[in-house]
Structures are given as C-alpha cells and as structure tokens.
Amino acid sequence: MSAATTLAVAAGGGLGALLRLLVGRAVVGRFGAPIARGTFVVNVTGAFVLGLLTGLAPARDLTLILGTGLLGGYTTFSTWMFETDRFAGEGAGRAAAWNVAGSLGVGLLAIWLGRAVGGG
C-alpha cells in the first residue's frame, strides 16, 4: 500500500468518526432517543454502505479508503458493546438483549441489501 493510500485511509477514518458524531447527535436530537439509537442507526447505515461497496467492487485502494477508513471510523463496535453493557448494568436486561439481537439482525439485512443494490 502506498503512502498516499495510507494517508487517505487515515483521513477517511477521521471523516468517518466525525460523521458518526453528527449522525448520532442528529438521531438523538430528532427522536429524543435513548443512548443506543444513535449507535444503532450509525452501525446499520454503515453496514448498508459496506454492502453496497462490496457489491460495486471498486479498485483495491478505493475499497481500503472507503471500507477500512471511512466506514471503519463511522461504525462503532465498542460503543455498541458499551451501551449494551450499560443497559445490563442498569437492570435493563431485555433492552440489552434487544440491542444485540436487533443490531445483528438488522445489520445483516442492511449489508445484504446494500450488496444486492450494488450488484454483488
């Protein structure tokens, strides 16, 4: 991987993190949502776009920049796990279970749909 591609992946990661912040805040602002809804929307939309990207199968460097960089910075496994643990710690075991099951189920549907739309 070239130095330019490496820098572009890093820049994509920074942009993805900024987008995650903005989308998460917009979801919470729009719906007055509890902690996990913003993360859910970010991760599901990220899964859709990654599916779309894999369906389109662009050049290797573009896949690295968008998939690893932008979407890697945008989506967030650690926050999803933190929020799930927080639900469980607050005695909201059902919310924790729904957070896991819903994110996995809808996330898989999103990536499959994205791949289909992308022609893969």
PDB file of N, CA and C in Angstrom:
ATOM      1  N   MET A   1       0.857  -1.168   0.000  1.00  0.00           N
ATOM      2  CA  MET A   1       0.000   0.000   0.000  1.00  0.00           C
ATOM      3  C   MET A   1       0.904   1.232   0.000  1.00  0.00           C
ATOM      4  N   SER A   2       0.583   2.180  -0.839  1.00  0.00           N
ATOM      5  CA  SER A   2       1.389   3.392  -0.952  1.00  0.00           C
ATOM      6  C   SER A   2       1.170   4.317   0.243  1.00  0.00           C
ATOM      7  N   ALA A   3       2.099   5.246   0.405  1.00  0.00           N
ATOM      8  CA  ALA A   3       1.977   6.230   1.486  1.00  0.00           C
ATOM      9  C   ALA A   3       0.724   7.086   1.291  1.00  0.00           C
ATOM     10  N   ALA A   4       0.424   7.419   0.046  1.00  0.00           N
ATOM     11  CA  ALA A   4      -0.766   8.237  -0.228  1.00  0.00           C
ATOM     12  C   ALA A   4      -2.044   7.493   0.161  1.00  0.00           C
ATOM     13  N   THR A   5      -2.101   6.201  -0.137  1.00  0.00           N
ATOM     14  CA  THR A   5      -3.278   5.410   0.238  1.00  0.00           C
ATOM     15  C   THR A   5      -3.388   5.303   1.749  1.00  0.00           C
ATOM     16  N   THR A   6      -2.257   5.094   2.411  1.00  0.00           N
ATOM     17  CA  THR A   6      -2.250   5.016   3.877  1.00  0.00           C
ATOM     18  C   THR A   6      -2.789   6.305   4.486  1.00  0.00           C
ATOM     19  N   LEU A   7      -2.344   7.437   3.979  1.00  0.00           N
ATOM     20  CA  LEU A   7      -2.832   8.727   4.482  1.00  0.00           C
ATOM     21  C   LEU A   7      -4.318   8.917   4.170  1.00  0.00           C
ATOM     22  N   ALA A   8      -4.743   8.461   3.006  1.00  0.00           N
ATOM     23  CA  ALA A   8      -6.158   8.582   2.647  1.00  0.00           C
ATOM     24  C   ALA A   8      -7.036   7.707   3.540  1.00  0.00           C
ATOM     25  N   VAL A   9      -6.555   6.514   3.899  1.00  0.00           N
ATOM     26  CA  VAL A   9      -7.296   5.650   4.827  1.00  0.00           C
ATOM     27  C   VAL A   9      -7.424   6.342   6.184  1.00  0.00           C
ATOM     28  N   ALA A  10      -6.323   6.939   6.651  1.00  0.00           N
ATOM     29  CA  ALA A  10      -6.353   7.651   7.935  1.00  0.00           C
ATOM     30  C   ALA A  10      -7.313   8.841   7.883  1.00  0.00           C
ATOM     31  N   ALA A  11      -7.263   9.592   6.801  1.00  0.00           N
ATOM     32  CA  ALA A  11      -8.175  10.736   6.654  1.00  0.00           C
ATOM     33  C   ALA A  11      -9.627  10.260   6.587  1.00  0.00           C
ATOM     34  N   GLY A  12      -9.856   9.161   5.882  1.00  0.00           N
ATOM     35  CA  GLY A  12     -11.202   8.585   5.819  1.00  0.00           C
ATOM     36  C   GLY A  12     -11.700   8.187   7.196  1.00  0.00           C
ATOM     37  N   GLY A  13     -10.809   7.626   8.017  1.00  0.00           N
ATOM     38  CA  GLY A  13     -11.185   7.258   9.384  1.00  0.00           C
ATOM     39  C   GLY A  13     -11.595   8.469  10.204  1.00  0.00           C
ATOM     40  N   GLY A  14     -10.853   9.553  10.057  1.00  0.00           N
ATOM     41  CA  GLY A  14     -11.208  10.781  10.767  1.00  0.00           C
ATOM     42  C   GLY A  14     -12.542  11.341  10.307  1.00  0.00           C
ATOM     43  N   LEU A  15     -12.764  11.328   9.003  1.00  0.00           N
ATOM     44  CA  LEU A  15     -14.036  11.811   8.462  1.00  0.00           C
ATOM     45  C   LEU A  15     -15.188  10.918   8.913  1.00  0.00           C
ATOM     46  N   GLY A  16     -14.957   9.611   8.919  1.00  0.00           N
ATOM     47  CA  GLY A  16     -15.987   8.679   9.381  1.00  0.00           C
ATOM     48  C   GLY A  16     -16.363   8.918  10.832  1.00  0.00           C
ATOM     49  N   ALA A  17     -15.360   9.175  11.675  1.00  0.00           N
ATOM     50  CA  ALA A  17     -15.631   9.448  13.092  1.00  0.00           C
ATOM     51  C   ALA A  17     -16.451  10.727  13.250  1.00  0.00           C
ATOM     52  N   LEU A  18     -16.130  11.740  12.461  1.00  0.00           N
ATOM     53  CA  LEU A  18     -16.901  12.987  12.504  1.00  0.00           C
ATOM     54  C   LEU A  18     -18.343  12.745  12.045  1.00  0.00           C
ATOM     55  N   LEU A  19     -18.511  11.979  10.982  1.00  0.00           N
ATOM     56  CA  LEU A  19     -19.862  11.653  10.515  1.00  0.00           C
ATOM     57  C   LEU A  19     -20.642  10.877  11.566  1.00  0.00           C
ATOM     58  N   ARG A  20     -19.963   9.943  12.245  1.00  0.00           N
ATOM     59  CA  ARG A  20     -20.631   9.177  13.312  1.00  0.00           C
ATOM     60  C   ARG A  20     -21.147  10.121  14.386  1.00  0.00           C
ATOM     61  N   LEU A  21     -20.328  11.066  14.801  1.00  0.00           N
ATOM     62  CA  LEU A  21     -20.736  12.033  15.818  1.00  0.00           C
ATOM     63  C   LEU A  21     -21.957  12.825  15.351  1.00  0.00           C
ATOM     64  N   LEU A  22     -21.912  13.318  14.125  1.00  0.00           N
ATOM     65  CA  LEU A  22     -23.006  14.140  13.607  1.00  0.00           C
ATOM     66  C   LEU A  22     -24.299  13.344  13.441  1.00  0.00           C
ATOM     67  N   VAL A  23     -24.202  12.144  12.891  1.00  0.00           N
ATOM     68  CA  VAL A  23     -25.401  11.315  12.707  1.00  0.00           C
ATOM     69  C   VAL A  23     -25.973  10.904  14.060  1.00  0.00           C
ATOM     70  N   GLY A  24     -25.116  10.478  14.975  1.00  0.00           N
ATOM     71  CA  GLY A  24     -25.579  10.088  16.310  1.00  0.00           C
ATOM     72  C   GLY A  24     -26.299  11.219  17.016  1.00  0.00           C
ATOM     73  N   ARG A  25     -25.724  12.408  16.942  1.00  0.00           N
ATOM     74  CA  ARG A  25     -26.372  13.569  17.573  1.00  0.00           C
ATOM     75  C   ARG A  25     -27.683  13.924  16.886  1.00  0.00           C
ATOM     76  N   ALA A  26     -27.718  13.808  15.565  1.00  0.00           N
ATOM     77  CA  ALA A  26     -28.950  14.117  14.832  1.00  0.00           C
ATOM     78  C   ALA A  26     -30.068  13.156  15.219  1.00  0.00           C
ATOM     79  N   VAL A  27     -29.750  11.885  15.369  1.00  0.00           N
ATOM     80  CA  VAL A  27     -30.763  10.898  15.762  1.00  0.00           C
ATOM     81  C   VAL A  27     -31.289  11.216  17.152  1.00  0.00           C
ATOM     82  N   VAL A  28     -30.387  11.477  18.078  1.00  0.00           N
ATOM     83  CA  VAL A  28     -30.798  11.800  19.446  1.00  0.00           C
ATOM     84  C   VAL A  28     -31.599  13.102  19.464  1.00  0.00           C
ATOM     85  N   GLY A  29     -31.149  14.106  18.709  1.00  0.00           N
ATOM     86  CA  GLY A  29     -31.859  15.380  18.661  1.00  0.00           C
ATOM     87  C   GLY A  29     -33.240  15.264  18.037  1.00  0.00           C
ATOM     88  N   ARG A  30     -33.357  14.460  17.020  1.00  0.00           N
ATOM     89  CA  ARG A  30     -34.627  14.319  16.296  1.00  0.00           C
ATOM     90  C   ARG A  30     -35.644  13.490  17.064  1.00  0.00           C
ATOM     91  N   PHE A  31     -35.166  12.418  17.683  1.00  0.00           N
ATOM     92  CA  PHE A  31     -36.084  11.477  18.307  1.00  0.00           C
ATOM     93  C   PHE A  31     -36.019  11.481  19.829  1.00  0.00           C
ATOM     94  N   GLY A  32     -35.158  12.331  20.415  1.00  0.00           N
ATOM     95  CA  GLY A  32     -35.004  12.322  21.861  1.00  0.00           C
ATOM     96  C   GLY A  32     -34.636  10.928  22.337  1.00  0.00           C
ATOM     97  N   ALA A  33     -33.803  10.288  21.575  1.00  0.00           N
ATOM     98  CA  ALA A  33     -33.552   8.855  21.714  1.00  0.00           C
ATOM     99  C   ALA A  33     -32.700   8.504  22.926  1.00  0.00           C
ATOM    100  N   PRO A  34     -32.946   7.318  23.472  1.00  0.00           N
ATOM    101  CA  PRO A  34     -32.032   6.813  24.495  1.00  0.00           C
ATOM    102  C   PRO A  34     -30.679   6.504  23.866  1.00  0.00           C
ATOM    103  N   ILE A  35     -29.730   6.172  24.700  1.00  0.00           N
ATOM    104  CA  ILE A  35     -28.336   6.089  24.284  1.00  0.00           C
ATOM    105  C   ILE A  35     -28.074   5.228  23.060  1.00  0.00           C
ATOM    106  N   ALA A  36     -28.757   4.125  22.889  1.00  0.00           N
ATOM    107  CA  ALA A  36     -28.364   3.164  21.859  1.00  0.00           C
ATOM    108  C   ALA A  36     -28.901   3.473  20.461  1.00  0.00           C
ATOM    109  N   ARG A  37     -29.875   4.316  20.310  1.00  0.00           N
ATOM    110  CA  ARG A  37     -30.472   4.517  18.984  1.00  0.00           C
ATOM    111  C   ARG A  37     -29.516   5.159  17.991  1.00  0.00           C
ATOM    112  N   GLY A  38     -28.754   6.130  18.428  1.00  0.00           N
ATOM    113  CA  GLY A  38     -27.784   6.751  17.525  1.00  0.00           C
ATOM    114  C   GLY A  38     -26.758   5.747  17.036  1.00  0.00           C
ATOM    115  N   THR A  39     -26.251   4.928  17.935  1.00  0.00           N
ATOM    116  CA  THR A  39     -25.280   3.897  17.571  1.00  0.00           C
ATOM    117  C   THR A  39     -25.910   2.880  16.632  1.00  0.00           C
ATOM    118  N   PHE A  40     -27.149   2.501  16.895  1.00  0.00           N
ATOM    119  CA  PHE A  40     -27.860   1.553  16.035  1.00  0.00           C
ATOM    120  C   PHE A  40     -27.958   2.095  14.611  1.00  0.00           C
ATOM    121  N   VAL A  41     -28.385   3.337  14.457  1.00  0.00           N
ATOM    122  CA  VAL A  41     -28.530   3.945  13.130  1.00  0.00           C
ATOM    123  C   VAL A  41     -27.181   4.014  12.427  1.00  0.00           C
ATOM    124  N   VAL A  42     -26.148   4.432  13.139  1.00  0.00           N
ATOM    125  CA  VAL A  42     -24.809   4.515  12.554  1.00  0.00           C
ATOM    126  C   VAL A  42     -24.345   3.142  12.076  1.00  0.00           C
ATOM    127  N   ASN A  43     -24.453   2.138  12.921  1.00  0.00           N
ATOM    128  CA  ASN A  43     -23.951   0.817  12.554  1.00  0.00           C
ATOM    129  C   ASN A  43     -24.752   0.181  11.422  1.00  0.00           C
ATOM    130  N   VAL A  44     -26.055   0.372  11.407  1.00  0.00           N
ATOM    131  CA  VAL A  44     -26.873  -0.208  10.334  1.00  0.00           C
ATOM    132  C   VAL A  44     -26.622   0.513   9.011  1.00  0.00           C
ATOM    133  N   THR A  45     -26.550   1.826   9.020  1.00  0.00           N
ATOM    134  CA  THR A  45     -26.253   2.539   7.770  1.00  0.00           C
ATOM    135  C   THR A  45     -24.839   2.221   7.294  1.00  0.00           C
ATOM    136  N   GLY A  46     -23.908   2.075   8.223  1.00  0.00           N
ATOM    137  CA  GLY A  46     -22.550   1.676   7.848  1.00  0.00           C
ATOM    138  C   GLY A  46     -22.521   0.296   7.219  1.00  0.00           C
ATOM    139  N   ALA A  47     -23.302  -0.637   7.765  1.00  0.00           N
ATOM    140  CA  ALA A  47     -23.382  -1.986   7.192  1.00  0.00           C
ATOM    141  C   ALA A  47     -23.963  -1.935   5.779  1.00  0.00           C
ATOM    142  N   PHE A  48     -24.991  -1.117   5.582  1.00  0.00           N
ATOM    143  CA  PHE A  48     -25.579  -0.985   4.244  1.00  0.00           C
ATOM    144  C   PHE A  48     -24.548  -0.456   3.247  1.00  0.00           C
ATOM    145  N   VAL A  49     -23.847   0.597   3.621  1.00  0.00           N
ATOM    146  CA  VAL A  49     -22.867   1.197   2.709  1.00  0.00           C
ATOM    147  C   VAL A  49     -21.710   0.230   2.441  1.00  0.00           C
ATOM    148  N   LEU A  50     -21.285  -0.523   3.444  1.00  0.00           N
ATOM    149  CA  LEU A  50     -20.231  -1.514   3.219  1.00  0.00           C
ATOM    150  C   LEU A  50     -20.725  -2.612   2.278  1.00  0.00           C
ATOM    151  N   GLY A  51     -21.975  -3.031   2.432  1.00  0.00           N
ATOM    152  CA  GLY A  51     -22.545  -3.991   1.490  1.00  0.00           C
ATOM    153  C   GLY A  51     -22.591  -3.429   0.081  1.00  0.00           C
ATOM    154  N   LEU A  52     -23.007  -2.178  -0.042  1.00  0.00           N
ATOM    155  CA  LEU A  52     -23.037  -1.504  -1.338  1.00  0.00           C
ATOM    156  C   LEU A  52     -21.644  -1.472  -1.953  1.00  0.00           C
ATOM    157  N   LEU A  53     -20.667  -1.123  -1.145  1.00  0.00           N
ATOM    158  CA  LEU A  53     -19.278  -1.053  -1.603  1.00  0.00           C
ATOM    159  C   LEU A  53     -18.793  -2.416  -2.091  1.00  0.00           C
ATOM    160  N   THR A  54     -19.084  -3.471  -1.345  1.00  0.00           N
ATOM    161  CA  THR A  54     -18.642  -4.799  -1.769  1.00  0.00           C
ATOM    162  C   THR A  54     -19.392  -5.254  -3.021  1.00  0.00           C
ATOM    163  N   GLY A  55     -20.633  -4.840  -3.164  1.00  0.00           N
ATOM    164  CA  GLY A  55     -21.377  -5.164  -4.378  1.00  0.00           C
ATOM    165  C   GLY A  55     -20.822  -4.462  -5.603  1.00  0.00           C
ATOM    166  N   LEU A  56     -20.381  -3.233  -5.424  1.00  0.00           N
ATOM    167  CA  LEU A  56     -19.813  -2.467  -6.531  1.00  0.00           C
ATOM    168  C   LEU A  56     -18.390  -2.906  -6.862  1.00  0.00           C
ATOM    169  N   ALA A  57     -17.690  -3.437  -5.872  1.00  0.00           N
ATOM    170  CA  ALA A  57     -16.318  -3.943  -6.024  1.00  0.00           C
ATOM    171  C   ALA A  57     -15.387  -2.953  -6.720  1.00  0.00           C
ATOM    172  N   PRO A  58     -15.182  -1.768  -6.116  1.00  0.00           N
ATOM    173  CA  PRO A  58     -14.262  -0.803  -6.725  1.00  0.00           C
ATOM    174  C   PRO A  58     -12.807  -1.262  -6.586  1.00  0.00           C
ATOM    175  N   ALA A  59     -11.909  -0.475  -7.125  1.00  0.00           N
ATOM    176  CA  ALA A  59     -10.478  -0.781  -7.060  1.00  0.00           C
ATOM    177  C   ALA A  59     -10.033  -0.957  -5.608  1.00  0.00           C
ATOM    178  N   ARG A  60      -8.959  -1.735  -5.416  1.00  0.00           N
ATOM    179  CA  ARG A  60      -8.473  -2.094  -4.077  1.00  0.00           C
ATOM    180  C   ARG A  60      -8.232  -0.868  -3.197  1.00  0.00           C
ATOM    181  N   ASP A  61      -7.533   0.143  -3.711  1.00  0.00           N
ATOM    182  CA  ASP A  61      -7.228   1.317  -2.890  1.00  0.00           C
ATOM    183  C   ASP A  61      -8.493   2.051  -2.466  1.00  0.00           C
ATOM    184  N   LEU A  62      -9.457   2.168  -3.366  1.00  0.00           N
ATOM    185  CA  LEU A  62     -10.711   2.837  -3.013  1.00  0.00           C
ATOM    186  C   LEU A  62     -11.478   2.034  -1.964  1.00  0.00           C
ATOM    187  N   THR A  63     -11.434   0.715  -2.078  1.00  0.00           N
ATOM    188  CA  THR A  63     -12.066  -0.140  -1.070  1.00  0.00           C
ATOM    189  C   THR A  63     -11.412   0.065   0.289  1.00  0.00           C
ATOM    190  N   LEU A  64     -10.091   0.169   0.324  1.00  0.00           N
ATOM    191  CA  LEU A  64      -9.386   0.421   1.587  1.00  0.00           C
ATOM    192  C   LEU A  64      -9.770   1.777   2.168  1.00  0.00           C
ATOM    193  N   ILE A  65      -9.790   2.785   1.323  1.00  0.00           N
ATOM    194  CA  ILE A  65     -10.080   4.148   1.789  1.00  0.00           C
ATOM    195  C   ILE A  65     -11.512   4.247   2.321  1.00  0.00           C
ATOM    196  N   LEU A  66     -12.463   3.727   1.557  1.00  0.00           N
ATOM    197  CA  LEU A  66     -13.865   3.837   1.964  1.00  0.00           C
ATOM    198  C   LEU A  66     -14.269   2.787   2.992  1.00  0.00           C
ATOM    199  N   GLY A  67     -13.881   1.543   2.776  1.00  0.00           N
ATOM    200  CA  GLY A  67     -14.285   0.459   3.671  1.00  0.00           C
ATOM    201  C   GLY A  67     -13.552   0.482   4.997  1.00  0.00           C
ATOM    202  N   THR A  68     -12.228   0.442   4.927  1.00  0.00           N
ATOM    203  CA  THR A  68     -11.429   0.419   6.152  1.00  0.00           C
ATOM    204  C   THR A  68     -11.382   1.789   6.809  1.00  0.00           C
ATOM    205  N   GLY A  69     -11.145   2.826   6.024  1.00  0.00           N
ATOM    206  CA  GLY A  69     -11.013   4.168   6.576  1.00  0.00           C
ATOM    207  C   GLY A  69     -12.337   4.786   6.975  1.00  0.00           C
ATOM    208  N   LEU A  70     -13.103   5.211   5.986  1.00  0.00           N
ATOM    209  CA  LEU A  70     -14.347   5.943   6.252  1.00  0.00           C
ATOM    210  C   LEU A  70     -15.336   5.130   7.089  1.00  0.00           C
ATOM    211  N   LEU A  71     -15.648   3.915   6.647  1.00  0.00           N
ATOM    212  CA  LEU A  71     -16.649   3.121   7.370  1.00  0.00           C
ATOM    213  C   LEU A  71     -16.105   2.549   8.667  1.00  0.00           C
ATOM    214  N   GLY A  72     -14.798   2.296   8.716  1.00  0.00           N
ATOM    215  CA  GLY A  72     -14.190   1.861   9.976  1.00  0.00           C
ATOM    216  C   GLY A  72     -14.265   2.946  11.039  1.00  0.00           C
ATOM    217  N   GLY A  73     -14.110   4.197  10.619  1.00  0.00           N
ATOM    218  CA  GLY A  73     -14.245   5.315  11.549  1.00  0.00           C
ATOM    219  C   GLY A  73     -15.698   5.630  11.879  1.00  0.00           C
ATOM    220  N   TYR A  74     -16.579   5.346  10.942  1.00  0.00           N
ATOM    221  CA  TYR A  74     -18.004   5.667  11.110  1.00  0.00           C
ATOM    222  C   TYR A  74     -18.711   4.683  12.037  1.00  0.00           C
ATOM    223  N   THR A  75     -18.526   3.404  11.804  1.00  0.00           N
ATOM    224  CA  THR A  75     -19.212   2.401  12.624  1.00  0.00           C
ATOM    225  C   THR A  75     -18.465   2.190  13.933  1.00  0.00           C
ATOM    226  N   THR A  76     -19.157   1.617  14.914  1.00  0.00           N
ATOM    227  CA  THR A  76     -18.539   1.511  16.233  1.00  0.00           C
ATOM    228  C   THR A  76     -19.001   0.285  17.001  1.00  0.00           C
ATOM    229  N   PHE A  77     -18.162  -0.719  17.002  1.00  0.00           N
ATOM    230  CA  PHE A  77     -18.431  -1.933  17.769  1.00  0.00           C
ATOM    231  C   PHE A  77     -18.299  -1.659  19.265  1.00  0.00           C
ATOM    232  N   SER A  78     -17.270  -0.921  19.644  1.00  0.00           N
ATOM    233  CA  SER A  78     -17.010  -0.706  21.075  1.00  0.00           C
ATOM    234  C   SER A  78     -18.135   0.069  21.753  1.00  0.00           C
ATOM    235  N   THR A  79     -18.676   1.086  21.100  1.00  0.00           N
ATOM    236  CA  THR A  79     -19.785   1.836  21.690  1.00  0.00           C
ATOM    237  C   THR A  79     -21.028   0.962  21.779  1.00  0.00           C
ATOM    238  N   TRP A  80     -21.259   0.139  20.779  1.00  0.00           N
ATOM    239  CA  TRP A  80     -22.385  -0.795  20.811  1.00  0.00           C
ATOM    240  C   TRP A  80     -22.275  -1.713  22.020  1.00  0.00           C
ATOM    241  N   MET A  81     -21.092  -2.253  22.274  1.00  0.00           N
ATOM    242  CA  MET A  81     -20.898  -3.139  23.422  1.00  0.00           C
ATOM    243  C   MET A  81     -21.019  -2.375  24.744  1.00  0.00           C
ATOM    244  N   PHE A  82     -20.473  -1.160  24.788  1.00  0.00           N
ATOM    245  CA  PHE A  82     -20.568  -0.338  25.998  1.00  0.00           C
ATOM    246  C   PHE A  82     -22.029  -0.055  26.342  1.00  0.00           C
ATOM    247  N   GLU A  83     -22.805   0.331  25.335  1.00  0.00           N
ATOM    248  CA  GLU A  83     -24.214   0.645  25.579  1.00  0.00           C
ATOM    249  C   GLU A  83     -24.997  -0.596  26.003  1.00  0.00           C
ATOM    250  N   THR A  84     -24.676  -1.736  25.406  1.00  0.00           N
ATOM    251  CA  THR A  84     -25.332  -2.984  25.799  1.00  0.00           C
ATOM    252  C   THR A  84     -25.002  -3.327  27.244  1.00  0.00           C
ATOM    253  N   ASP A  85     -23.739  -3.192  27.610  1.00  0.00           N
ATOM    254  CA  ASP A  85     -23.318  -3.448  28.994  1.00  0.00           C
ATOM    255  C   ASP A  85     -23.984  -2.463  29.955  1.00  0.00           C
ATOM    256  N   ARG A  86     -24.125  -1.231  29.515  1.00  0.00           N
ATOM    257  CA  ARG A  86     -24.778  -0.221  30.358  1.00  0.00           C
ATOM    258  C   ARG A  86     -26.237  -0.582  30.612  1.00  0.00           C
ATOM    259  N   PHE A  87     -26.940  -1.016  29.573  1.00  0.00           N
ATOM    260  CA  PHE A  87     -28.318  -1.480  29.764  1.00  0.00           C
ATOM    261  C   PHE A  87     -28.360  -2.596  30.799  1.00  0.00           C
ATOM    262  N   ALA A  88     -27.502  -3.590  30.611  1.00  0.00           N
ATOM    263  CA  ALA A  88     -27.484  -4.745  31.524  1.00  0.00           C
ATOM    264  C   ALA A  88     -27.149  -4.310  32.946  1.00  0.00           C
ATOM    265  N   GLY A  89     -26.191  -3.403  33.095  1.00  0.00           N
ATOM    266  CA  GLY A  89     -25.791  -2.914  34.410  1.00  0.00           C
ATOM    267  C   GLY A  89     -26.870  -2.115  35.113  1.00  0.00           C
ATOM    268  N   GLU A  90     -27.763  -1.519  34.339  1.00  0.00           N
ATOM    269  CA  GLU A  90     -28.869  -0.740  34.909  1.00  0.00           C
ATOM    270  C   GLU A  90     -30.105  -1.610  35.137  1.00  0.00           C
ATOM    271  N   GLY A  91     -29.943  -2.911  34.973  1.00  0.00           N
ATOM    272  CA  GLY A  91     -31.067  -3.816  35.185  1.00  0.00           C
ATOM    273  C   GLY A  91     -32.018  -3.914  34.011  1.00  0.00           C
ATOM    274  N   ALA A  92     -31.612  -3.405  32.870  1.00  0.00           N
ATOM    275  CA  ALA A  92     -32.456  -3.445  31.673  1.00  0.00           C
ATOM    276  C   ALA A  92     -31.971  -4.564  30.751  1.00  0.00           C
ATOM    277  N   GLY A  93     -32.041  -5.780  31.263  1.00  0.00           N
ATOM    278  CA  GLY A  93     -31.564  -6.934  30.504  1.00  0.00           C
ATOM    279  C   GLY A  93     -32.287  -7.130  29.189  1.00  0.00           C
ATOM    280  N   ARG A  94     -33.574  -6.862  29.179  1.00  0.00           N
ATOM    281  CA  ARG A  94     -34.347  -7.005  27.941  1.00  0.00           C
ATOM    282  C   ARG A  94     -33.866  -5.996  26.892  1.00  0.00           C
ATOM    283  N   ALA A  95     -33.613  -4.762  27.304  1.00  0.00           N
ATOM    284  CA  ALA A  95     -33.097  -3.758  26.366  1.00  0.00           C
ATOM    285  C   ALA A  95     -31.721  -4.163  25.849  1.00  0.00           C
ATOM    286  N   ALA A  96     -30.888  -4.720  26.726  1.00  0.00           N
ATOM    287  CA  ALA A  96     -29.562  -5.188  26.309  1.00  0.00           C
ATOM    288  C   ALA A  96     -29.692  -6.293  25.267  1.00  0.00           C
ATOM    289  N   ALA A  97     -30.585  -7.244  25.513  1.00  0.00           N
ATOM    290  CA  ALA A  97     -30.780  -8.350  24.572  1.00  0.00           C
ATOM    291  C   ALA A  97     -31.316  -7.850  23.230  1.00  0.00           C
ATOM    292  N   TRP A  98     -32.278  -6.937  23.272  1.00  0.00           N
ATOM    293  CA  TRP A  98     -32.813  -6.374  22.032  1.00  0.00           C
ATOM    294  C   TRP A  98     -31.755  -5.580  21.284  1.00  0.00           C
ATOM    295  N   ASN A  99     -30.892  -4.886  22.014  1.00  0.00           N
ATOM    296  CA  ASN A  99     -29.827  -4.120  21.375  1.00  0.00           C
ATOM    297  C   ASN A  99     -28.904  -5.047  20.591  1.00  0.00           C
ATOM    298  N   VAL A 100     -28.557  -6.183  21.183  1.00  0.00           N
ATOM    299  CA  VAL A 100     -27.687  -7.140  20.492  1.00  0.00           C
ATOM    300  C   VAL A 100     -28.425  -7.791  19.324  1.00  0.00           C
ATOM    301  N   ALA A 101     -29.590  -8.369  19.598  1.00  0.00           N
ATOM    302  CA  ALA A 101     -30.331  -9.092  18.559  1.00  0.00           C
ATOM    303  C   ALA A 101     -30.764  -8.169  17.418  1.00  0.00           C
ATOM    304  N   GLY A 102     -31.255  -6.995  17.773  1.00  0.00           N
ATOM    305  CA  GLY A 102     -31.699  -6.051  16.748  1.00  0.00           C
ATOM    306  C   GLY A 102     -30.561  -5.560  15.881  1.00  0.00           C
ATOM    307  N   SER A 103     -29.443  -5.239  16.504  1.00  0.00           N
ATOM    308  CA  SER A 103     -28.287  -4.756  15.742  1.00  0.00           C
ATOM    309  C   SER A 103     -27.751  -5.832  14.808  1.00  0.00           C
ATOM    310  N   LEU A 104     -27.660  -7.058  15.308  1.00  0.00           N
ATOM    311  CA  LEU A 104     -27.172  -8.150  14.460  1.00  0.00           C
ATOM    312  C   LEU A 104     -28.138  -8.450  13.317  1.00  0.00           C
ATOM    313  N   GLY A 105     -29.413  -8.586  13.638  1.00  0.00           N
ATOM    314  CA  GLY A 105     -30.395  -8.930  12.611  1.00  0.00           C
ATOM    315  C   GLY A 105     -30.551  -7.855  11.553  1.00  0.00           C
ATOM    316  N   VAL A 106     -30.770  -6.629  11.989  1.00  0.00           N
ATOM    317  CA  VAL A 106     -30.974  -5.533  11.041  1.00  0.00           C
ATOM    318  C   VAL A 106     -29.669  -5.214  10.316  1.00  0.00           C
ATOM    319  N   GLY A 107     -28.542  -5.325  11.020  1.00  0.00           N
ATOM    320  CA  GLY A 107     -27.245  -5.089  10.384  1.00  0.00           C
ATOM    321  C   GLY A 107     -26.970  -6.069   9.256  1.00  0.00           C
ATOM    322  N   LEU A 108     -27.276  -7.343   9.482  1.00  0.00           N
ATOM    323  CA  LEU A 108     -27.098  -8.340   8.414  1.00  0.00           C
ATOM    324  C   LEU A 108     -28.028  -8.066   7.236  1.00  0.00           C
ATOM    325  N   LEU A 109     -29.270  -7.731   7.521  1.00  0.00           N
ATOM    326  CA  LEU A 109     -30.193  -7.380   6.435  1.00  0.00           C
ATOM    327  C   LEU A 109     -29.682  -6.172   5.653  1.00  0.00           C
ATOM    328  N   ALA A 110     -29.138  -5.194   6.359  1.00  0.00           N
ATOM    329  CA  ALA A 110     -28.630  -3.984   5.710  1.00  0.00           C
ATOM    330  C   ALA A 110     -27.455  -4.299   4.789  1.00  0.00           C
ATOM    331  N   ILE A 111     -26.525  -5.134   5.252  1.00  0.00           N
ATOM    332  CA  ILE A 111     -25.371  -5.442   4.397  1.00  0.00           C
ATOM    333  C   ILE A 111     -25.799  -6.262   3.185  1.00  0.00           C
ATOM    334  N   TRP A 112     -26.742  -7.197   3.371  1.00  0.00           N
ATOM    335  CA  TRP A 112     -27.243  -7.986   2.237  1.00  0.00           C
ATOM    336  C   TRP A 112     -27.967  -7.091   1.232  1.00  0.00           C
ATOM    337  N   LEU A 113     -28.781  -6.168   1.728  1.00  0.00           N
ATOM    338  CA  LEU A 113     -29.489  -5.245   0.846  1.00  0.00           C
ATOM    339  C   LEU A 113     -28.501  -4.349   0.102  1.00  0.00           C
ATOM    340  N   GLY A 114     -27.519  -3.829   0.820  1.00  0.00           N
ATOM    341  CA  GLY A 114     -26.506  -2.992   0.181  1.00  0.00           C
ATOM    342  C   GLY A 114     -25.768  -3.729  -0.920  1.00  0.00           C
ATOM    343  N   ARG A 115     -25.391  -4.971  -0.650  1.00  0.00           N
ATOM    344  CA  ARG A 115     -24.687  -5.772  -1.658  1.00  0.00           C
ATOM    345  C   ARG A 115     -25.584  -6.003  -2.876  1.00  0.00           C
ATOM    346  N   ALA A 116     -26.870  -6.279  -2.637  1.00  0.00           N
ATOM    347  CA  ALA A 116     -27.803  -6.501  -3.752  1.00  0.00           C
ATOM    348  C   ALA A 116     -27.963  -5.236  -4.591  1.00  0.00           C
ATOM    349  N   VAL A 117     -28.094  -4.087  -3.927  1.00  0.00           N
ATOM    350  CA  VAL A 117     -28.221  -2.815  -4.641  1.00  0.00           C
ATOM    351  C   VAL A 117     -26.952  -2.529  -5.443  1.00  0.00           C
ATOM    352  N   GLY A 118     -25.799  -2.902  -4.880  1.00  0.00           N
ATOM    353  CA  GLY A 118     -24.526  -2.684  -5.556  1.00  0.00           C
ATOM    354  C   GLY A 118     -24.244  -3.662  -6.680  1.00  0.00           C
ATOM    355  N   GLY A 119     -25.101  -4.656  -6.836  1.00  0.00           N
ATOM    356  CA  GLY A 119     -24.936  -5.592  -7.937  1.00  0.00           C
ATOM    357  C   GLY A 119     -24.115  -6.817  -7.601  1.00  0.00           C
ATOM    358  N   GLY A 120     -23.829  -7.025  -6.314  1.00  0.00           N
ATOM    359  CA  GLY A 120     -22.988  -8.171  -5.934  1.00  0.00           C
ATOM    360  C   GLY A 120     -23.757  -9.405  -5.588  1.00  0.00           C
TER     361      GLY A 120
END
